[in-house]
N, C-alpha and C. Protein backbone atom coordinates (compact mmCIF):
# COMPACT_ATOMS: atom_id res chain seq x y z
N MET A 1 14.63 21.43 25.48
CA MET A 1 15.47 21.57 26.65
C MET A 1 15.26 20.40 27.63
N ARG A 2 14.01 19.98 27.76
CA ARG A 2 13.74 18.87 28.69
C ARG A 2 14.47 17.61 28.24
N ALA A 3 14.44 17.33 26.94
CA ALA A 3 15.12 16.14 26.42
C ALA A 3 16.61 16.21 26.69
N ASN A 4 17.21 17.40 26.56
CA ASN A 4 18.63 17.56 26.84
C ASN A 4 18.93 17.31 28.31
N ARG A 5 18.06 17.78 29.20
CA ARG A 5 18.26 17.54 30.64
C ARG A 5 18.17 16.04 30.96
N LEU A 6 17.17 15.38 30.38
CA LEU A 6 17.01 13.94 30.61
C LEU A 6 18.20 13.16 30.07
N LEU A 7 18.67 13.55 28.88
CA LEU A 7 19.83 12.87 28.31
C LEU A 7 21.06 13.08 29.18
N GLY A 8 21.28 14.30 29.63
CA GLY A 8 22.42 14.59 30.51
C GLY A 8 22.38 13.76 31.77
N THR A 9 21.21 13.68 32.39
CA THR A 9 21.04 12.87 33.61
C THR A 9 21.33 11.40 33.33
N SER A 10 20.83 10.91 32.22
CA SER A 10 21.04 9.51 31.85
C SER A 10 22.52 9.21 31.62
N LEU A 11 23.23 10.12 30.95
CA LEU A 11 24.65 9.91 30.69
C LEU A 11 25.46 9.87 31.98
N VAL A 12 25.08 10.72 32.94
CA VAL A 12 25.77 10.72 34.23
C VAL A 12 25.45 9.45 35.01
N GLU A 13 24.16 9.06 35.04
CA GLU A 13 23.76 7.85 35.77
C GLU A 13 24.45 6.61 35.23
N ARG A 14 24.74 6.59 33.95
CA ARG A 14 25.39 5.43 33.32
C ARG A 14 26.91 5.55 33.31
N ASN A 15 27.42 6.56 34.01
CA ASN A 15 28.87 6.79 34.15
C ASN A 15 29.57 6.99 32.80
N LEU A 16 28.87 7.60 31.85
CA LEU A 16 29.48 7.90 30.57
C LEU A 16 30.15 9.27 30.57
N VAL A 17 29.65 10.18 31.41
CA VAL A 17 30.25 11.51 31.58
C VAL A 17 30.16 11.90 33.05
N LYS A 18 30.92 12.93 33.43
CA LYS A 18 30.90 13.43 34.80
C LYS A 18 29.88 14.56 34.92
N ILE A 19 29.37 14.75 36.12
CA ILE A 19 28.39 15.80 36.37
C ILE A 19 28.96 17.18 36.02
N GLU A 20 30.26 17.36 36.26
CA GLU A 20 30.90 18.65 35.95
C GLU A 20 30.84 18.93 34.44
N ASP A 21 31.01 17.87 33.64
CA ASP A 21 30.95 18.03 32.19
C ASP A 21 29.54 18.42 31.75
N ILE A 22 28.54 17.84 32.40
CA ILE A 22 27.15 18.18 32.07
C ILE A 22 26.87 19.64 32.42
N GLU A 23 27.36 20.08 33.58
CA GLU A 23 27.14 21.48 33.98
C GLU A 23 27.79 22.44 32.99
N THR A 24 29.01 22.13 32.56
CA THR A 24 29.70 22.96 31.57
C THR A 24 28.93 22.95 30.25
N ALA A 25 28.50 21.77 29.82
CA ALA A 25 27.77 21.64 28.56
C ALA A 25 26.43 22.39 28.63
N ASN A 26 25.77 22.35 29.79
CA ASN A 26 24.51 23.08 29.94
C ASN A 26 24.73 24.58 29.79
N GLY A 27 25.83 25.09 30.33
CA GLY A 27 26.16 26.51 30.16
C GLY A 27 26.36 26.86 28.70
N LYS A 28 27.07 26.01 27.98
CA LYS A 28 27.29 26.24 26.55
C LYS A 28 25.98 26.12 25.78
N LEU A 29 25.14 25.19 26.20
CA LEU A 29 23.84 25.00 25.55
C LEU A 29 22.99 26.26 25.68
N ILE A 30 22.98 26.85 26.85
CA ILE A 30 22.21 28.08 27.06
C ILE A 30 22.76 29.20 26.18
N GLU A 31 24.08 29.30 26.06
CA GLU A 31 24.68 30.30 25.16
C GLU A 31 24.23 30.10 23.72
N ILE A 32 24.19 28.86 23.27
CA ILE A 32 23.77 28.57 21.89
C ILE A 32 22.31 28.93 21.69
N VAL A 33 21.47 28.58 22.65
CA VAL A 33 20.05 28.89 22.53
C VAL A 33 19.83 30.39 22.50
N VAL A 34 20.57 31.13 23.30
CA VAL A 34 20.45 32.59 23.33
C VAL A 34 20.87 33.21 22.00
N THR A 35 21.86 32.61 21.32
CA THR A 35 22.31 33.15 20.04
C THR A 35 21.38 32.77 18.90
N ASP A 36 20.25 32.13 19.25
CA ASP A 36 19.20 31.83 18.27
C ASP A 36 19.64 30.83 17.21
N GLN A 37 20.35 29.77 17.62
CA GLN A 37 20.73 28.68 16.73
C GLN A 37 20.23 27.36 17.31
N PRO A 38 18.91 27.20 17.44
CA PRO A 38 18.39 26.01 18.12
C PRO A 38 18.73 24.69 17.44
N GLN A 39 18.99 24.68 16.14
CA GLN A 39 19.31 23.43 15.46
C GLN A 39 20.64 22.85 15.94
N GLN A 40 21.48 23.68 16.55
CA GLN A 40 22.76 23.20 17.06
C GLN A 40 22.71 22.95 18.56
N SER A 41 21.55 23.09 19.16
CA SER A 41 21.48 23.04 20.61
C SER A 41 21.10 21.66 21.13
N THR A 42 22.09 20.78 21.18
CA THR A 42 21.90 19.48 21.83
C THR A 42 23.05 19.24 22.79
N ILE A 43 22.71 18.69 23.93
CA ILE A 43 23.73 18.44 24.95
C ILE A 43 24.74 17.40 24.45
N LEU A 44 24.27 16.41 23.69
CA LEU A 44 25.17 15.39 23.18
C LEU A 44 26.15 15.98 22.17
N GLY A 45 25.66 16.87 21.33
CA GLY A 45 26.55 17.53 20.37
C GLY A 45 27.65 18.33 21.05
N ILE A 46 27.29 19.04 22.10
CA ILE A 46 28.28 19.83 22.85
C ILE A 46 29.28 18.92 23.54
N LEU A 47 28.78 17.88 24.22
CA LEU A 47 29.68 16.95 24.93
C LEU A 47 30.61 16.22 23.97
N SER A 48 30.09 15.87 22.80
CA SER A 48 30.83 15.06 21.87
C SER A 48 31.75 15.87 20.96
N TYR A 49 31.23 16.92 20.36
CA TYR A 49 32.01 17.64 19.35
C TYR A 49 32.74 18.86 19.90
N ASP A 50 32.12 19.56 20.82
CA ASP A 50 32.74 20.77 21.35
C ASP A 50 33.71 20.45 22.48
N MET A 51 33.23 19.71 23.49
CA MET A 51 34.06 19.41 24.66
C MET A 51 34.88 18.14 24.50
N LYS A 52 34.47 17.26 23.61
CA LYS A 52 35.16 16.00 23.34
C LYS A 52 35.34 15.13 24.60
N VAL A 53 34.29 15.07 25.44
CA VAL A 53 34.37 14.22 26.64
C VAL A 53 33.73 12.86 26.41
N ILE A 54 33.00 12.72 25.32
CA ILE A 54 32.39 11.44 24.99
C ILE A 54 32.33 11.32 23.47
N LYS A 55 32.45 10.09 22.99
CA LYS A 55 32.36 9.86 21.55
C LYS A 55 30.98 9.31 21.22
N GLU A 56 30.50 9.67 20.06
CA GLU A 56 29.20 9.20 19.61
C GLU A 56 29.14 7.67 19.62
N ASP A 57 30.23 7.03 19.21
CA ASP A 57 30.28 5.57 19.19
C ASP A 57 30.09 4.97 20.58
N GLU A 58 30.66 5.63 21.60
CA GLU A 58 30.51 5.13 22.97
C GLU A 58 29.05 5.12 23.39
N VAL A 59 28.33 6.18 23.04
CA VAL A 59 26.91 6.25 23.38
C VAL A 59 26.13 5.18 22.62
N LEU A 60 26.42 5.04 21.33
CA LEU A 60 25.72 4.03 20.53
C LEU A 60 25.96 2.62 21.07
N HIS A 61 27.22 2.29 21.36
CA HIS A 61 27.53 0.95 21.88
C HIS A 61 26.84 0.71 23.22
N HIS A 62 26.83 1.73 24.06
CA HIS A 62 26.19 1.58 25.37
C HIS A 62 24.68 1.35 25.22
N VAL A 63 24.04 2.12 24.35
CA VAL A 63 22.60 1.96 24.13
C VAL A 63 22.28 0.60 23.56
N VAL A 64 23.10 0.13 22.63
CA VAL A 64 22.87 -1.20 22.04
C VAL A 64 23.00 -2.28 23.10
N GLU A 65 24.04 -2.18 23.94
CA GLU A 65 24.29 -3.21 24.94
C GLU A 65 23.28 -3.20 26.08
N THR A 66 22.91 -2.02 26.56
CA THR A 66 22.05 -1.96 27.75
C THR A 66 20.57 -1.91 27.43
N ASP A 67 20.20 -1.28 26.31
CA ASP A 67 18.78 -1.09 26.01
C ASP A 67 18.28 -1.99 24.89
N GLY A 68 19.16 -2.78 24.30
CA GLY A 68 18.74 -3.70 23.25
C GLY A 68 18.34 -3.04 21.95
N VAL A 69 18.82 -1.84 21.71
CA VAL A 69 18.51 -1.15 20.47
C VAL A 69 19.34 -1.76 19.35
N GLY A 70 18.73 -2.00 18.22
CA GLY A 70 19.45 -2.59 17.09
C GLY A 70 19.95 -1.53 16.13
N LEU A 71 21.10 -1.76 15.55
CA LEU A 71 21.68 -0.87 14.56
C LEU A 71 22.03 -1.67 13.32
N VAL A 72 21.97 -1.02 12.18
CA VAL A 72 22.37 -1.64 10.92
C VAL A 72 23.59 -0.88 10.42
N ASP A 73 24.71 -1.56 10.30
CA ASP A 73 25.95 -0.95 9.81
C ASP A 73 26.07 -1.27 8.32
N LEU A 74 25.91 -0.26 7.49
CA LEU A 74 25.96 -0.45 6.04
C LEU A 74 27.35 -0.22 5.46
N ARG A 75 28.36 -0.03 6.31
CA ARG A 75 29.71 0.25 5.79
C ARG A 75 30.26 -0.90 4.97
N ASP A 76 29.97 -2.13 5.36
CA ASP A 76 30.50 -3.28 4.64
C ASP A 76 29.52 -3.85 3.62
N TYR A 77 28.42 -3.16 3.42
CA TYR A 77 27.41 -3.60 2.47
C TYR A 77 27.62 -2.88 1.15
N ASP A 78 27.60 -3.60 0.06
CA ASP A 78 27.80 -3.00 -1.26
C ASP A 78 26.51 -2.29 -1.70
N VAL A 79 26.49 -0.98 -1.52
CA VAL A 79 25.31 -0.19 -1.84
C VAL A 79 25.50 0.45 -3.21
N PRO A 80 24.57 0.23 -4.14
CA PRO A 80 24.69 0.85 -5.47
C PRO A 80 24.69 2.37 -5.38
N ASP A 81 25.42 3.02 -6.30
CA ASP A 81 25.51 4.47 -6.29
C ASP A 81 24.17 5.15 -6.55
N ASP A 82 23.30 4.51 -7.30
CA ASP A 82 22.03 5.12 -7.66
C ASP A 82 20.91 4.76 -6.68
N LEU A 83 21.26 4.38 -5.47
CA LEU A 83 20.28 3.98 -4.48
C LEU A 83 19.55 5.21 -3.96
N SER A 84 18.26 5.30 -4.26
CA SER A 84 17.46 6.44 -3.80
C SER A 84 16.93 6.17 -2.40
N GLY A 85 16.25 7.14 -1.83
CA GLY A 85 15.68 6.98 -0.50
C GLY A 85 14.71 5.83 -0.42
N ASP A 86 13.84 5.71 -1.43
CA ASP A 86 12.86 4.63 -1.43
C ASP A 86 13.53 3.28 -1.58
N ALA A 87 14.55 3.22 -2.43
CA ALA A 87 15.27 1.95 -2.64
C ALA A 87 16.02 1.56 -1.36
N LEU A 88 16.57 2.54 -0.67
CA LEU A 88 17.26 2.25 0.59
C LEU A 88 16.27 1.75 1.63
N ASP A 89 15.11 2.37 1.70
CA ASP A 89 14.06 1.90 2.62
C ASP A 89 13.70 0.45 2.32
N LYS A 90 13.52 0.14 1.05
CA LYS A 90 13.16 -1.22 0.64
C LYS A 90 14.27 -2.20 1.04
N LEU A 91 15.53 -1.82 0.80
CA LEU A 91 16.66 -2.66 1.18
C LEU A 91 16.65 -2.93 2.68
N LEU A 92 16.50 -1.90 3.48
CA LEU A 92 16.50 -2.06 4.93
C LEU A 92 15.34 -2.93 5.40
N GLN A 93 14.18 -2.75 4.78
CA GLN A 93 13.01 -3.52 5.18
C GLN A 93 13.13 -4.98 4.78
N GLU A 94 13.67 -5.25 3.61
CA GLU A 94 13.76 -6.64 3.14
C GLU A 94 14.96 -7.39 3.71
N GLU A 95 16.13 -6.76 3.66
CA GLU A 95 17.36 -7.45 4.09
C GLU A 95 17.54 -7.47 5.61
N PHE A 96 17.16 -6.38 6.28
CA PHE A 96 17.45 -6.25 7.71
C PHE A 96 16.20 -6.24 8.58
N LYS A 97 15.04 -6.46 7.94
CA LYS A 97 13.77 -6.57 8.67
C LYS A 97 13.47 -5.33 9.50
N ILE A 98 13.79 -4.16 8.94
CA ILE A 98 13.47 -2.88 9.56
C ILE A 98 12.07 -2.49 9.11
N SER A 99 11.20 -2.13 10.02
CA SER A 99 9.83 -1.77 9.63
C SER A 99 9.81 -0.39 8.99
N ALA A 100 8.73 -0.12 8.27
CA ALA A 100 8.57 1.20 7.64
C ALA A 100 8.54 2.29 8.70
N PHE A 101 7.93 1.99 9.85
CA PHE A 101 7.87 2.99 10.92
C PHE A 101 9.26 3.25 11.50
N GLN A 102 10.08 2.20 11.63
CA GLN A 102 11.45 2.39 12.13
C GLN A 102 12.25 3.27 11.17
N CYS A 103 12.05 3.09 9.88
CA CYS A 103 12.71 3.96 8.88
C CYS A 103 12.26 5.40 9.05
N LEU A 104 10.97 5.59 9.24
CA LEU A 104 10.42 6.92 9.44
C LEU A 104 11.01 7.58 10.68
N VAL A 105 11.08 6.85 11.78
CA VAL A 105 11.63 7.38 13.02
C VAL A 105 13.10 7.74 12.83
N ALA A 106 13.87 6.88 12.17
CA ALA A 106 15.30 7.15 11.94
C ALA A 106 15.49 8.42 11.10
N LYS A 107 14.68 8.57 10.06
CA LYS A 107 14.77 9.78 9.22
C LYS A 107 14.41 11.02 10.02
N ALA A 108 13.37 10.92 10.81
CA ALA A 108 12.94 12.06 11.62
C ALA A 108 14.02 12.46 12.61
N ARG A 109 14.62 11.48 13.26
CA ARG A 109 15.68 11.79 14.22
C ARG A 109 16.89 12.39 13.54
N ALA A 110 17.21 11.90 12.35
CA ALA A 110 18.36 12.43 11.61
C ALA A 110 18.14 13.90 11.25
N LEU A 111 16.89 14.27 11.03
CA LEU A 111 16.56 15.65 10.67
C LEU A 111 16.09 16.46 11.87
N ASN A 112 16.18 15.89 13.06
CA ASN A 112 15.79 16.55 14.30
C ASN A 112 14.30 16.92 14.28
N LEU A 113 13.48 16.02 13.77
CA LEU A 113 12.03 16.22 13.69
C LEU A 113 11.32 15.12 14.48
N SER A 114 10.05 15.33 14.73
CA SER A 114 9.24 14.29 15.35
C SER A 114 8.69 13.39 14.25
N PRO A 115 8.71 12.06 14.44
CA PRO A 115 8.14 11.18 13.42
C PRO A 115 6.64 11.38 13.34
N PHE A 116 6.12 11.42 12.15
CA PHE A 116 4.68 11.63 11.95
C PHE A 116 4.22 10.75 10.81
N ASN A 117 3.41 9.77 11.10
CA ASN A 117 2.96 8.83 10.09
C ASN A 117 1.49 9.10 9.79
N VAL A 118 1.20 9.50 8.55
CA VAL A 118 -0.18 9.82 8.19
C VAL A 118 -0.78 8.75 7.31
N ALA A 119 -0.09 7.64 7.13
CA ALA A 119 -0.59 6.56 6.25
C ALA A 119 -1.79 5.86 6.83
């Protein structure tokens, strides 16, 4: 919940959404949490998919431009069909200079988990 509040505040401060939209999204977020579906309870998901007041691309572009976060767009890259997770990690590390830890963090975020490196 704290992360959702911080994200909401950040989106408003950066003029990506209005405070009224955050208040509405927070109400919907509380409803989702009460219905015991925490995996669906993100303020960005509600703003983007339910209320459609912001697009995921807008947030990504803003973060890249203002915070210097790097992204790798694989849409134009010819990826073999048999590319496994390990092979994809190797490709990202060799071709795009992504560290093993960055791969771990990306996977964790995609699965809504905390990154944990025991190596």
